[in-house]
Amino acid sequence: MFKPKAIAIDIDGTLTDKRRAINCKAVEALRKLRIPVILATGNVSCFARAVAKMIGVSDIVICENGGVVRFSYDGEDIVLGNKEKCVRAMEELKKHFSIELLDFEFRKSEVCMRRTFDIQKAREILKGFDVKLLDSNFAYHIADSAVSKGKALEFIARHIGIDTMDFAVIGDSENDIEMFEVAGFGVAVANADLKLKEIADLITPSSDGDGVVEALEFLDLI
């Protein structure tokens, strides 16, 4: 049985449902843990640190799909991605699609857009821009090719002195894939993308927050 020394967990679609309502059973379960719990999200820093504080887990968060990390609620954002690259790519997409930006003024490392266009065509257009186009199931994200949730987890692991192979990670979408690849154990909730399920060590019977509780029970953490 894998014995994690820390947990990294996605928020939207993992701790929350399609309405973005947080699962209270999952919150209660996470509060019982005696190991570090790191939230990893495609959302912005102010959202992630507020959620971490309300849940009552550690204040360490991965934001903007790995483009930003933060080690304390009152600390500073550490920006790992280059937003200028992403803006240039977005300007190119505007020539082909109608783009609706989300949280543009708050994002420090990426560009986030509503899911209103063909992502595969957009990926073809952006070849050569040194960016990647991610689908979090809630929005599309243009991110610096140099960053990912996995690389951000490695950055945090070095800082807190826990090997990434000692992490268990829980997620639901393609922006969690790199995090699964560097961790010791990956759990995909039942509503997860097929690509994530293909590399997961465990797929929970239940979706989103109920699946999180099942994962923590399987890992003998609660």
C-alpha atoms as a PDB file:
ATOM      1  CA  MET A   1       0.000   0.000   0.000  1.00  0.00           C
ATOM      2  CA  PHE A   2       1.317   3.437  -0.989  1.00  0.00           C
ATOM      3  CA  LYS A   3       1.834   5.670   2.060  1.00  0.00           C
ATOM      4  CA  PRO A   4       1.882   9.326   0.972  1.00  0.00           C
ATOM      5  CA  LYS A   5       3.779  11.967   2.902  1.00  0.00           C
ATOM      6  CA  ALA A   6       1.760  14.742   1.225  1.00  0.00           C
ATOM      7  CA  ILE A   7      -1.291  15.230  -0.998  1.00  0.00           C
ATOM      8  CA  ALA A   8      -1.752  17.520  -4.003  1.00  0.00           C
ATOM      9  CA  ILE A   9      -5.339  17.937  -5.117  1.00  0.00           C
ATOM     10  CA  ASP A  10      -7.126  19.786  -7.899  1.00  0.00           C
ATOM     11  CA  ILE A  11     -10.123  21.981  -7.041  1.00  0.00           C
ATOM     12  CA  ASP A  12     -12.604  22.425  -9.916  1.00  0.00           C
ATOM     13  CA  GLY A  13     -14.161  19.127 -10.941  1.00  0.00           C
ATOM     14  CA  THR A  14     -12.346  17.318  -8.129  1.00  0.00           C
ATOM     15  CA  LEU A  15     -13.294  19.031  -4.885  1.00  0.00           C
ATOM     16  CA  THR A  16     -16.235  20.712  -6.627  1.00  0.00           C
ATOM     17  CA  ASP A  17     -19.030  19.548  -8.898  1.00  0.00           C
ATOM     18  CA  LYS A  18     -20.122  20.921 -12.282  1.00  0.00           C
ATOM     19  CA  ARG A  19     -21.869  23.819 -10.543  1.00  0.00           C
ATOM     20  CA  ARG A  20     -18.537  24.598  -8.827  1.00  0.00           C
ATOM     21  CA  ALA A  21     -20.093  23.844  -5.447  1.00  0.00           C
ATOM     22  CA  ILE A  22     -17.552  22.415  -3.016  1.00  0.00           C
ATOM     23  CA  ASN A  23     -18.184  18.975  -1.538  1.00  0.00           C
ATOM     24  CA  CYS A  24     -18.459  19.345   2.235  1.00  0.00           C
ATOM     25  CA  LYS A  25     -17.717  15.653   2.854  1.00  0.00           C
ATOM     26  CA  ALA A  26     -14.400  16.089   1.060  1.00  0.00           C
ATOM     27  CA  VAL A  27     -13.601  19.195   3.121  1.00  0.00           C
ATOM     28  CA  GLU A  28     -14.333  17.305   6.333  1.00  0.00           C
ATOM     29  CA  ALA A  29     -12.098  14.445   5.192  1.00  0.00           C
ATOM     30  CA  LEU A  30      -9.194  16.731   4.235  1.00  0.00           C
ATOM     31  CA  ARG A  31      -9.316  18.400   7.640  1.00  0.00           C
ATOM     32  CA  LYS A  32      -8.562  15.044   9.232  1.00  0.00           C
ATOM     33  CA  LEU A  33      -5.238  14.646   7.411  1.00  0.00           C
ATOM     34  CA  ARG A  34      -1.965  15.027   9.276  1.00  0.00           C
ATOM     35  CA  ILE A  35       0.171  15.476   6.175  1.00  0.00           C
ATOM     36  CA  PRO A  36       0.574  18.563   3.955  1.00  0.00           C
ATOM     37  CA  VAL A  37      -2.330  19.173   1.550  1.00  0.00           C
ATOM     38  CA  ILE A  38      -1.498  21.328  -1.484  1.00  0.00           C
ATOM     39  CA  LEU A  39      -4.281  22.673  -3.676  1.00  0.00           C
ATOM     40  CA  ALA A  40      -3.450  22.717  -7.395  1.00  0.00           C
ATOM     41  CA  THR A  41      -5.746  24.657  -9.702  1.00  0.00           C
ATOM     42  CA  GLY A  42      -6.057  26.436 -13.011  1.00  0.00           C
ATOM     43  CA  ASN A  43      -7.646  29.305 -11.128  1.00  0.00           C
ATOM     44  CA  VAL A  44      -5.998  32.504  -9.889  1.00  0.00           C
ATOM     45  CA  SER A  45      -3.996  32.920  -6.690  1.00  0.00           C
ATOM     46  CA  CYS A  46      -6.580  34.926  -4.737  1.00  0.00           C
ATOM     47  CA  PHE A  47      -9.169  32.195  -5.347  1.00  0.00           C
ATOM     48  CA  ALA A  48      -6.818  29.322  -4.472  1.00  0.00           C
ATOM     49  CA  ARG A  49      -5.514  30.790  -1.229  1.00  0.00           C
ATOM     50  CA  ALA A  50      -9.049  31.722  -0.104  1.00  0.00           C
ATOM     51  CA  VAL A  51     -10.239  28.161  -0.744  1.00  0.00           C
ATOM     52  CA  ALA A  52      -7.209  26.745   1.094  1.00  0.00           C
ATOM     53  CA  LYS A  53      -7.911  28.969   4.084  1.00  0.00           C
ATOM     54  CA  MET A  54     -11.619  28.098   4.187  1.00  0.00           C
ATOM     55  CA  ILE A  55     -10.989  24.370   3.847  1.00  0.00           C
ATOM     56  CA  GLY A  56      -8.373  24.590   6.580  1.00  0.00           C
ATOM     57  CA  VAL A  57      -5.514  22.832   4.796  1.00  0.00           C
ATOM     58  CA  SER A  58      -1.966  24.183   4.351  1.00  0.00           C
ATOM     59  CA  ASP A  59      -1.640  27.565   2.642  1.00  0.00           C
ATOM     60  CA  ILE A  60       0.619  26.173  -0.102  1.00  0.00           C
ATOM     61  CA  VAL A  61      -1.107  26.453  -3.479  1.00  0.00           C
ATOM     62  CA  ILE A  62      -0.367  25.855  -7.165  1.00  0.00           C
ATOM     63  CA  CYS A  63      -2.295  28.329  -9.329  1.00  0.00           C
ATOM     64  CA  GLU A  64      -2.783  29.064 -13.021  1.00  0.00           C
ATOM     65  CA  ASN A  65      -1.905  25.482 -14.034  1.00  0.00           C
ATOM     66  CA  GLY A  66       1.537  25.742 -12.474  1.00  0.00           C
ATOM     67  CA  GLY A  67       2.343  29.263 -13.615  1.00  0.00           C
ATOM     68  CA  VAL A  68       2.091  30.650 -10.082  1.00  0.00           C
ATOM     69  CA  VAL A  69       2.867  29.131  -6.663  1.00  0.00           C
ATOM     70  CA  ARG A  70       2.397  30.528  -3.184  1.00  0.00           C
ATOM     71  CA  PHE A  71       3.724  29.232   0.140  1.00  0.00           C
ATOM     72  CA  SER A  72       1.650  31.237   2.610  1.00  0.00           C
ATOM     73  CA  TYR A  73      -1.633  33.108   2.746  1.00  0.00           C
ATOM     74  CA  ASP A  74       0.057  36.454   3.384  1.00  0.00           C
ATOM     75  CA  GLY A  75       3.117  35.702   1.251  1.00  0.00           C
ATOM     76  CA  GLU A  76       3.994  36.673  -2.292  1.00  0.00           C
ATOM     77  CA  ASP A  77       3.047  34.979  -5.534  1.00  0.00           C
ATOM     78  CA  ILE A  78       6.011  33.305  -7.208  1.00  0.00           C
ATOM     79  CA  VAL A  79       5.435  33.605 -10.962  1.00  0.00           C
ATOM     80  CA  LEU A  80       6.926  30.754 -13.000  1.00  0.00           C
ATOM     81  CA  GLY A  81       5.302  31.456 -16.368  1.00  0.00           C
ATOM     82  CA  ASN A  82       5.698  34.183 -19.001  1.00  0.00           C
ATOM     83  CA  LYS A  83       2.331  35.861 -19.606  1.00  0.00           C
ATOM     84  CA  GLU A  84       3.689  37.903 -22.547  1.00  0.00           C
ATOM     85  CA  LYS A  85       4.071  34.694 -24.591  1.00  0.00           C
ATOM     86  CA  CYS A  86       0.460  33.822 -23.854  1.00  0.00           C
ATOM     87  CA  VAL A  87      -0.842  37.265 -24.787  1.00  0.00           C
ATOM     88  CA  ARG A  88       0.907  37.060 -28.174  1.00  0.00           C
ATOM     89  CA  ALA A  89      -0.714  33.682 -28.772  1.00  0.00           C
ATOM     90  CA  MET A  90      -4.108  35.028 -27.747  1.00  0.00           C
ATOM     91  CA  GLU A  91      -3.785  37.899 -30.215  1.00  0.00           C
ATOM     92  CA  GLU A  92      -3.202  35.331 -32.956  1.00  0.00           C
ATOM     93  CA  LEU A  93      -6.296  33.367 -31.932  1.00  0.00           C
ATOM     94  CA  LYS A  94      -8.343  36.561 -32.108  1.00  0.00           C
ATOM     95  CA  LYS A  95      -7.695  36.597 -35.855  1.00  0.00           C
ATOM     96  CA  HIS A  96      -9.562  33.292 -36.176  1.00  0.00           C
ATOM     97  CA  PHE A  97     -12.090  33.118 -33.329  1.00  0.00           C
ATOM     98  CA  SER A  98     -14.267  35.286 -31.148  1.00  0.00           C
ATOM     99  CA  ILE A  99     -12.393  35.236 -27.826  1.00  0.00           C
ATOM    100  CA  GLU A 100     -13.940  35.961 -24.432  1.00  0.00           C
ATOM    101  CA  LEU A 101     -11.276  36.527 -21.771  1.00  0.00           C
ATOM    102  CA  LEU A 102     -11.692  35.446 -18.154  1.00  0.00           C
ATOM    103  CA  ASP A 103      -9.931  37.084 -15.175  1.00  0.00           C
ATOM    104  CA  PHE A 104      -7.361  38.635 -17.503  1.00  0.00           C
ATOM    105  CA  GLU A 105      -6.320  41.398 -15.099  1.00  0.00           C
ATOM    106  CA  PHE A 106      -5.790  38.926 -12.236  1.00  0.00           C
ATOM    107  CA  ARG A 107      -3.763  36.307 -14.089  1.00  0.00           C
ATOM    108  CA  LYS A 108       0.008  36.696 -13.848  1.00  0.00           C
ATOM    109  CA  SER A 109       1.314  33.829 -15.993  1.00  0.00           C
ATOM    110  CA  GLU A 110      -1.351  32.800 -18.522  1.00  0.00           C
ATOM    111  CA  VAL A 111      -4.445  33.789 -20.494  1.00  0.00           C
ATOM    112  CA  CYS A 112      -7.811  32.212 -19.679  1.00  0.00           C
ATOM    113  CA  MET A 113     -10.741  32.103 -22.132  1.00  0.00           C
ATOM    114  CA  ARG A 114     -14.285  30.821 -22.260  1.00  0.00           C
ATOM    115  CA  ARG A 115     -14.722  27.456 -24.029  1.00  0.00           C
ATOM    116  CA  THR A 116     -16.432  28.870 -27.148  1.00  0.00           C
ATOM    117  CA  PHE A 117     -14.163  27.731 -29.989  1.00  0.00           C
ATOM    118  CA  ASP A 118     -12.580  24.591 -31.452  1.00  0.00           C
ATOM    119  CA  ILE A 119      -9.594  23.816 -29.248  1.00  0.00           C
ATOM    120  CA  GLN A 120      -7.984  21.422 -31.738  1.00  0.00           C
ATOM    121  CA  LYS A 121      -8.004  24.041 -34.498  1.00  0.00           C
ATOM    122  CA  ALA A 122      -6.634  26.559 -32.031  1.00  0.00           C
ATOM    123  CA  ARG A 123      -3.794  24.228 -31.086  1.00  0.00           C
ATOM    124  CA  GLU A 124      -2.846  23.898 -34.746  1.00  0.00           C
ATOM    125  CA  ILE A 125      -2.806  27.689 -35.105  1.00  0.00           C
ATOM    126  CA  LEU A 126      -0.553  28.109 -32.062  1.00  0.00           C
ATOM    127  CA  LYS A 127       2.150  25.684 -33.167  1.00  0.00           C
ATOM    128  CA  GLY A 128       5.458  27.539 -32.928  1.00  0.00           C
ATOM    129  CA  PHE A 129       4.302  30.000 -30.254  1.00  0.00           C
ATOM    130  CA  ASP A 130       6.055  28.184 -27.345  1.00  0.00           C
ATOM    131  CA  VAL A 131       2.759  27.903 -25.461  1.00  0.00           C
ATOM    132  CA  LYS A 132       0.234  25.155 -24.792  1.00  0.00           C
ATOM    133  CA  LEU A 133      -3.535  25.328 -24.877  1.00  0.00           C
ATOM    134  CA  LEU A 134      -5.148  23.495 -21.958  1.00  0.00           C
ATOM    135  CA  ASP A 135      -8.738  22.513 -21.278  1.00  0.00           C
ATOM    136  CA  SER A 136      -9.620  22.488 -17.567  1.00  0.00           C
ATOM    137  CA  ASN A 137     -13.225  21.518 -18.409  1.00  0.00           C
ATOM    138  CA  PHE A 138     -14.256  24.938 -17.099  1.00  0.00           C
ATOM    139  CA  ALA A 139     -12.133  27.155 -19.385  1.00  0.00           C
ATOM    140  CA  TYR A 140      -9.355  27.142 -21.975  1.00  0.00           C
ATOM    141  CA  HIS A 141      -5.936  28.289 -20.804  1.00  0.00           C
ATOM    142  CA  ILE A 142      -2.992  29.505 -22.868  1.00  0.00           C
ATOM    143  CA  ALA A 143       0.007  28.639 -20.711  1.00  0.00           C
ATOM    144  CA  ASP A 144       3.755  28.994 -21.093  1.00  0.00           C
ATOM    145  CA  SER A 145       5.187  25.712 -22.416  1.00  0.00           C
ATOM    146  CA  ALA A 146       7.797  25.840 -19.650  1.00  0.00           C
ATOM    147  CA  VAL A 147       5.259  25.441 -16.825  1.00  0.00           C
ATOM    148  CA  SER A 148       2.832  22.781 -15.626  1.00  0.00           C
ATOM    149  CA  LYS A 149       1.240  21.621 -12.410  1.00  0.00           C
ATOM    150  CA  GLY A 150       3.874  18.882 -12.346  1.00  0.00           C
ATOM    151  CA  LYS A 151       6.818  21.286 -12.535  1.00  0.00           C
ATOM    152  CA  ALA A 152       5.181  23.488  -9.914  1.00  0.00           C
ATOM    153  CA  LEU A 153       4.813  20.455  -7.660  1.00  0.00           C
ATOM    154  CA  GLU A 154       8.510  19.691  -8.111  1.00  0.00           C
ATOM    155  CA  PHE A 155       9.312  23.314  -7.195  1.00  0.00           C
ATOM    156  CA  ILE A 156       7.218  23.081  -4.020  1.00  0.00           C
ATOM    157  CA  ALA A 157       8.546  19.629  -3.112  1.00  0.00           C
ATOM    158  CA  ARG A 158      12.133  20.912  -3.170  1.00  0.00           C
ATOM    159  CA  HIS A 159      11.116  23.822  -0.937  1.00  0.00           C
ATOM    160  CA  ILE A 160       9.358  21.714   1.718  1.00  0.00           C
ATOM    161  CA  GLY A 161      11.758  18.769   1.558  1.00  0.00           C
ATOM    162  CA  ILE A 162       9.358  16.053   0.380  1.00  0.00           C
ATOM    163  CA  ASP A 163      10.153  14.053  -2.761  1.00  0.00           C
ATOM    164  CA  THR A 164       7.432  14.243  -5.406  1.00  0.00           C
ATOM    165  CA  MET A 165       7.363  10.439  -5.452  1.00  0.00           C
ATOM    166  CA  ASP A 166       6.067  10.619  -1.877  1.00  0.00           C
ATOM    167  CA  PHE A 167       3.029  12.624  -3.035  1.00  0.00           C
ATOM    168  CA  ALA A 168      -0.376  11.222  -3.880  1.00  0.00           C
ATOM    169  CA  VAL A 169      -2.256  13.461  -6.320  1.00  0.00           C
ATOM    170  CA  ILE A 170      -5.979  13.638  -7.079  1.00  0.00           C
ATOM    171  CA  GLY A 171      -7.464  15.271 -10.169  1.00  0.00           C
ATOM    172  CA  ASP A 172      -9.963  15.198 -13.012  1.00  0.00           C
ATOM    173  CA  SER A 173      -8.664  16.920 -16.154  1.00  0.00           C
ATOM    174  CA  GLU A 174      -5.832  17.049 -18.683  1.00  0.00           C
ATOM    175  CA  ASN A 175      -4.108  19.900 -16.831  1.00  0.00           C
ATOM    176  CA  ASP A 176      -3.427  17.365 -14.039  1.00  0.00           C
ATOM    177  CA  ILE A 177      -1.520  14.920 -16.263  1.00  0.00           C
ATOM    178  CA  GLU A 178       1.982  16.307 -15.599  1.00  0.00           C
ATOM    179  CA  MET A 179       1.282  16.268 -11.861  1.00  0.00           C
ATOM    180  CA  PHE A 180       0.361  12.566 -12.102  1.00  0.00           C
ATOM    181  CA  GLU A 181       3.584  11.886 -14.011  1.00  0.00           C
ATOM    182  CA  VAL A 182       5.876  13.194 -11.256  1.00  0.00           C
ATOM    183  CA  ALA A 183       3.965  11.896  -8.215  1.00  0.00           C
ATOM    184  CA  GLY A 184       4.177   8.494  -6.594  1.00  0.00           C
ATOM    185  CA  PHE A 185       0.448   7.743  -6.833  1.00  0.00           C
ATOM    186  CA  GLY A 186      -2.249   9.288  -9.017  1.00  0.00           C
ATOM    187  CA  VAL A 187      -5.996   9.152  -8.368  1.00  0.00           C
ATOM    188  CA  ALA A 188      -8.552  10.108 -11.027  1.00  0.00           C
ATOM    189  CA  VAL A 189     -12.095  10.727  -9.822  1.00  0.00           C
ATOM    190  CA  ALA A 190     -14.884   9.016 -11.778  1.00  0.00           C
ATOM    191  CA  ASN A 191     -15.701  12.127 -13.824  1.00  0.00           C
ATOM    192  CA  ALA A 192     -12.091  12.564 -14.953  1.00  0.00           C
ATOM    193  CA  ASP A 193     -10.921  12.887 -18.558  1.00  0.00           C
ATOM    194  CA  LEU A 194     -10.092   9.604 -20.280  1.00  0.00           C
ATOM    195  CA  LYS A 195      -6.448  10.650 -20.787  1.00  0.00           C
ATOM    196  CA  LEU A 196      -6.028  11.133 -17.040  1.00  0.00           C
ATOM    197  CA  LYS A 197      -7.738   7.835 -16.239  1.00  0.00           C
ATOM    198  CA  GLU A 198      -5.328   6.049 -18.561  1.00  0.00           C
ATOM    199  CA  ILE A 199      -2.324   7.002 -16.415  1.00  0.00           C
ATOM    200  CA  ALA A 200      -4.021   6.881 -13.000  1.00  0.00           C
ATOM    201  CA  ASP A 201      -3.098   4.292 -10.377  1.00  0.00           C
ATOM    202  CA  LEU A 202      -6.655   4.434  -9.051  1.00  0.00           C
ATOM    203  CA  ILE A 203     -10.008   5.512 -10.504  1.00  0.00           C
ATOM    204  CA  THR A 204     -12.610   6.164  -7.832  1.00  0.00           C
ATOM    205  CA  PRO A 205     -16.144   4.754  -8.174  1.00  0.00           C
ATOM    206  CA  SER A 206     -17.666   8.177  -7.419  1.00  0.00           C
ATOM    207  CA  SER A 207     -17.273  11.609  -8.979  1.00  0.00           C
ATOM    208  CA  ASP A 208     -15.665  14.828  -7.705  1.00  0.00           C
ATOM    209  CA  GLY A 209     -15.695  15.278  -3.906  1.00  0.00           C
ATOM    210  CA  ASP A 210     -17.214  11.881  -3.136  1.00  0.00           C
ATOM    211  CA  GLY A 211     -14.366  10.372  -5.129  1.00  0.00           C
ATOM    212  CA  VAL A 212     -11.867  12.370  -3.078  1.00  0.00           C
ATOM    213  CA  VAL A 213     -13.232  10.809   0.110  1.00  0.00           C
ATOM    214  CA  GLU A 214     -12.943   7.345  -1.468  1.00  0.00           C
ATOM    215  CA  ALA A 215      -9.346   8.062  -2.476  1.00  0.00           C
ATOM    216  CA  LEU A 216      -8.380   9.139   1.030  1.00  0.00           C
ATOM    217  CA  GLU A 217     -10.031   6.027   2.461  1.00  0.00           C
ATOM    218  CA  PHE A 218      -8.170   3.804  -0.047  1.00  0.00           C
ATOM    219  CA  LEU A 219      -4.865   5.440   0.963  1.00  0.00           C
ATOM    220  CA  ASP A 220      -5.743   4.759   4.618  1.00  0.00           C
ATOM    221  CA  LEU A 221      -5.506   8.459   5.464  1.00  0.00           C
ATOM    222  CA  ILE A 222      -8.960   8.696   7.080  1.00  0.00           C
END
